[in-house]
Amino acid sequence: MTQNTARKARRGAGGIALSMATVAGLLLGFTTVSAGTAQAVPTGCKWKLENDGRYWTWAQVTCLGGSGYYRAWVKCPTANGGYVYKYGPSVSPGRASKADCGSVSGVDYGKNVYTYPPGV
């Protein structure tokens, strides 16, 4: 009877230690995962186009809110009848990103949005 009780006690102590290790690991993992700052999509974006959008060769975007990153892009025609995309720098809210077709007029424009710094 004492041997059986001792075995139950060892099993109980081992189970408690395992449970405590599991809980500690979960808490540590939660702390590690939640330590990073959540990134918010840029908001309040305003566009500027050369010549108010008529025959423009560049497009620039500036976003005022959020905490993500963004960059402007323009779709530019090529001499062989195709298109090439040109990109502005990746920036954080409050800064301007400008993409330029050069001497040819662009046909479309937009922005790429990142929730983490580019390259991460």
C-alpha atoms as a PDB file:
ATOM      1  CA  MET A   1       0.000   0.000   0.000  1.00  0.00           C
ATOM      2  CA  THR A   2       2.801   2.467   0.808  1.00  0.00           C
ATOM      3  CA  GLN A   3       4.568   1.570  -2.446  1.00  0.00           C
ATOM      4  CA  ASN A   4       1.372   2.282  -4.431  1.00  0.00           C
ATOM      5  CA  THR A   5       0.872   5.615  -2.603  1.00  0.00           C
ATOM      6  CA  ALA A   6       4.508   6.598  -3.275  1.00  0.00           C
ATOM      7  CA  ARG A   7       4.068   5.781  -6.982  1.00  0.00           C
ATOM      8  CA  LYS A   8       0.896   7.916  -7.151  1.00  0.00           C
ATOM      9  CA  ALA A   9       2.713  10.772  -5.408  1.00  0.00           C
ATOM     10  CA  ARG A  10       5.629  10.575  -7.895  1.00  0.00           C
ATOM     11  CA  ARG A  11       3.195  10.465 -10.791  1.00  0.00           C
ATOM     12  CA  GLY A  12       1.259  13.402  -9.321  1.00  0.00           C
ATOM     13  CA  ALA A  13       4.442  15.422  -8.760  1.00  0.00           C
ATOM     14  CA  GLY A  14       5.634  14.655 -12.282  1.00  0.00           C
ATOM     15  CA  GLY A  15       2.263  15.687 -13.711  1.00  0.00           C
ATOM     16  CA  ILE A  16       2.311  18.933 -11.744  1.00  0.00           C
ATOM     17  CA  ALA A  17       5.860  19.709 -12.921  1.00  0.00           C
ATOM     18  CA  LEU A  18       4.872  18.982 -16.524  1.00  0.00           C
ATOM     19  CA  SER A  19       1.761  21.142 -16.206  1.00  0.00           C
ATOM     20  CA  MET A  20       3.792  23.997 -14.706  1.00  0.00           C
ATOM     21  CA  ALA A  21       6.391  23.701 -17.478  1.00  0.00           C
ATOM     22  CA  THR A  22       3.634  23.724 -20.099  1.00  0.00           C
ATOM     23  CA  VAL A  23       1.955  26.781 -18.583  1.00  0.00           C
ATOM     24  CA  ALA A  24       5.323  28.587 -18.284  1.00  0.00           C
ATOM     25  CA  GLY A  25       6.138  27.763 -21.897  1.00  0.00           C
ATOM     26  CA  LEU A  26       2.765  29.013 -23.083  1.00  0.00           C
ATOM     27  CA  LEU A  27       3.136  32.237 -21.104  1.00  0.00           C
ATOM     28  CA  LEU A  28       6.663  32.746 -22.379  1.00  0.00           C
ATOM     29  CA  GLY A  29       5.564  32.033 -25.942  1.00  0.00           C
ATOM     30  CA  PHE A  30       2.656  34.439 -25.599  1.00  0.00           C
ATOM     31  CA  THR A  31       4.966  37.125 -24.266  1.00  0.00           C
ATOM     32  CA  THR A  32       7.396  36.578 -27.128  1.00  0.00           C
ATOM     33  CA  VAL A  33       4.680  36.668 -29.779  1.00  0.00           C
ATOM     34  CA  SER A  34       2.881  39.680 -28.352  1.00  0.00           C
ATOM     35  CA  ALA A  35       6.058  41.691 -27.738  1.00  0.00           C
ATOM     36  CA  GLY A  36       6.053  43.065 -31.305  1.00  0.00           C
ATOM     37  CA  THR A  37       4.010  46.117 -32.188  1.00  0.00           C
ATOM     38  CA  ALA A  38       1.065  45.564 -34.468  1.00  0.00           C
ATOM     39  CA  GLN A  39       1.347  47.430 -37.766  1.00  0.00           C
ATOM     40  CA  ALA A  40      -1.687  49.342 -39.029  1.00  0.00           C
ATOM     41  CA  VAL A  41      -2.362  49.862 -42.724  1.00  0.00           C
ATOM     42  CA  PRO A  42      -1.490  53.419 -43.825  1.00  0.00           C
ATOM     43  CA  THR A  43      -4.516  55.755 -43.944  1.00  0.00           C
ATOM     44  CA  GLY A  44      -5.313  59.278 -45.098  1.00  0.00           C
ATOM     45  CA  CYS A  45      -3.366  58.864 -48.334  1.00  0.00           C
ATOM     46  CA  LYS A  46      -3.249  61.782 -50.788  1.00  0.00           C
ATOM     47  CA  TRP A  47      -2.065  61.595 -54.402  1.00  0.00           C
ATOM     48  CA  LYS A  48      -0.223  64.172 -56.451  1.00  0.00           C
ATOM     49  CA  LEU A  49       0.094  63.785 -60.202  1.00  0.00           C
ATOM     50  CA  GLU A  50       2.051  65.973 -62.590  1.00  0.00           C
ATOM     51  CA  ASN A  51      -0.317  68.388 -64.450  1.00  0.00           C
ATOM     52  CA  ASP A  52      -3.250  67.343 -62.231  1.00  0.00           C
ATOM     53  CA  GLY A  53      -3.361  63.933 -63.874  1.00  0.00           C
ATOM     54  CA  ARG A  54      -3.327  65.012 -67.519  1.00  0.00           C
ATOM     55  CA  TYR A  55      -0.300  63.687 -69.395  1.00  0.00           C
ATOM     56  CA  TRP A  56       1.502  62.924 -66.170  1.00  0.00           C
ATOM     57  CA  THR A  57       4.898  61.222 -66.025  1.00  0.00           C
ATOM     58  CA  TRP A  58       5.038  60.713 -62.245  1.00  0.00           C
ATOM     59  CA  ALA A  59       2.766  59.980 -59.273  1.00  0.00           C
ATOM     60  CA  GLN A  60       3.427  60.680 -55.605  1.00  0.00           C
ATOM     61  CA  VAL A  61       1.561  59.409 -52.542  1.00  0.00           C
ATOM     62  CA  THR A  62       1.747  60.626 -48.937  1.00  0.00           C
ATOM     63  CA  CYS A  63      -0.187  58.861 -46.160  1.00  0.00           C
ATOM     64  CA  LEU A  64      -0.808  60.544 -42.820  1.00  0.00           C
ATOM     65  CA  GLY A  65      -1.973  57.739 -40.516  1.00  0.00           C
ATOM     66  CA  GLY A  66      -1.271  54.115 -39.645  1.00  0.00           C
ATOM     67  CA  SER A  67       2.098  52.571 -38.896  1.00  0.00           C
ATOM     68  CA  GLY A  68       2.733  50.380 -41.940  1.00  0.00           C
ATOM     69  CA  TYR A  69       4.931  51.176 -44.932  1.00  0.00           C
ATOM     70  CA  TYR A  70       3.968  52.009 -48.509  1.00  0.00           C
ATOM     71  CA  ARG A  71       5.433  52.971 -51.861  1.00  0.00           C
ATOM     72  CA  ALA A  72       4.023  54.508 -55.036  1.00  0.00           C
ATOM     73  CA  TRP A  73       4.160  52.759 -58.401  1.00  0.00           C
ATOM     74  CA  VAL A  74       3.431  53.845 -61.953  1.00  0.00           C
ATOM     75  CA  LYS A  75       2.791  51.789 -65.078  1.00  0.00           C
ATOM     76  CA  CYS A  76       4.807  53.209 -67.961  1.00  0.00           C
ATOM     77  CA  PRO A  77       4.567  52.359 -71.674  1.00  0.00           C
ATOM     78  CA  THR A  78       7.695  51.087 -73.425  1.00  0.00           C
ATOM     79  CA  ALA A  79       8.906  51.684 -76.991  1.00  0.00           C
ATOM     80  CA  ASN A  80       7.935  48.135 -78.058  1.00  0.00           C
ATOM     81  CA  GLY A  81       4.285  48.574 -77.027  1.00  0.00           C
ATOM     82  CA  GLY A  82       4.588  46.885 -73.634  1.00  0.00           C
ATOM     83  CA  TYR A  83       4.609  48.279 -70.113  1.00  0.00           C
ATOM     84  CA  VAL A  84       7.054  48.497 -67.234  1.00  0.00           C
ATOM     85  CA  TYR A  85       6.324  49.290 -63.578  1.00  0.00           C
ATOM     86  CA  LYS A  86       8.472  51.892 -61.806  1.00  0.00           C
ATOM     87  CA  TYR A  87       8.477  52.102 -58.003  1.00  0.00           C
ATOM     88  CA  GLY A  88       9.141  54.876 -55.512  1.00  0.00           C
ATOM     89  CA  PRO A  89      10.928  54.305 -52.194  1.00  0.00           C
ATOM     90  CA  SER A  90       9.191  52.453 -49.338  1.00  0.00           C
ATOM     91  CA  VAL A  91       8.318  54.992 -46.655  1.00  0.00           C
ATOM     92  CA  SER A  92       6.404  55.328 -43.383  1.00  0.00           C
ATOM     93  CA  PRO A  93       3.369  57.610 -42.836  1.00  0.00           C
ATOM     94  CA  GLY A  94       4.094  61.322 -43.136  1.00  0.00           C
ATOM     95  CA  ARG A  95       6.657  60.824 -45.914  1.00  0.00           C
ATOM     96  CA  ALA A  96       6.175  60.980 -49.681  1.00  0.00           C
ATOM     97  CA  SER A  97       6.897  58.162 -52.127  1.00  0.00           C
ATOM     98  CA  LYS A  98       7.257  59.228 -55.756  1.00  0.00           C
ATOM     99  CA  ALA A  99       7.452  56.936 -58.795  1.00  0.00           C
ATOM    100  CA  ASP A 100       8.491  58.403 -62.139  1.00  0.00           C
ATOM    101  CA  CYS A 101       8.050  57.178 -65.738  1.00  0.00           C
ATOM    102  CA  GLY A 102      10.694  59.625 -66.943  1.00  0.00           C
ATOM    103  CA  SER A 103       9.803  61.269 -70.234  1.00  0.00           C
ATOM    104  CA  VAL A 104       6.832  59.044 -71.150  1.00  0.00           C
ATOM    105  CA  SER A 105       3.310  59.469 -69.778  1.00  0.00           C
ATOM    106  CA  GLY A 106       2.094  56.884 -67.279  1.00  0.00           C
ATOM    107  CA  VAL A 107      -1.089  54.917 -67.848  1.00  0.00           C
ATOM    108  CA  ASP A 108      -1.852  53.738 -64.306  1.00  0.00           C
ATOM    109  CA  TYR A 109      -0.676  54.308 -60.738  1.00  0.00           C
ATOM    110  CA  GLY A 110      -1.158  52.919 -57.241  1.00  0.00           C
ATOM    111  CA  LYS A 111       0.589  52.023 -54.014  1.00  0.00           C
ATOM    112  CA  ASN A 112       1.978  48.875 -52.414  1.00  0.00           C
ATOM    113  CA  VAL A 113       1.329  48.539 -48.661  1.00  0.00           C
ATOM    114  CA  TYR A 114       3.550  46.616 -46.229  1.00  0.00           C
ATOM    115  CA  THR A 115       2.737  45.736 -42.637  1.00  0.00           C
ATOM    116  CA  TYR A 116       6.423  45.316 -41.740  1.00  0.00           C
ATOM    117  CA  PRO A 117       9.465  47.225 -42.880  1.00  0.00           C
ATOM    118  CA  PRO A 118      10.470  46.129 -46.391  1.00  0.00           C
ATOM    119  CA  GLY A 119      13.048  43.374 -46.388  1.00  0.00           C
ATOM    120  CA  VAL A 120      11.877  41.858 -43.067  1.00  0.00           C
END
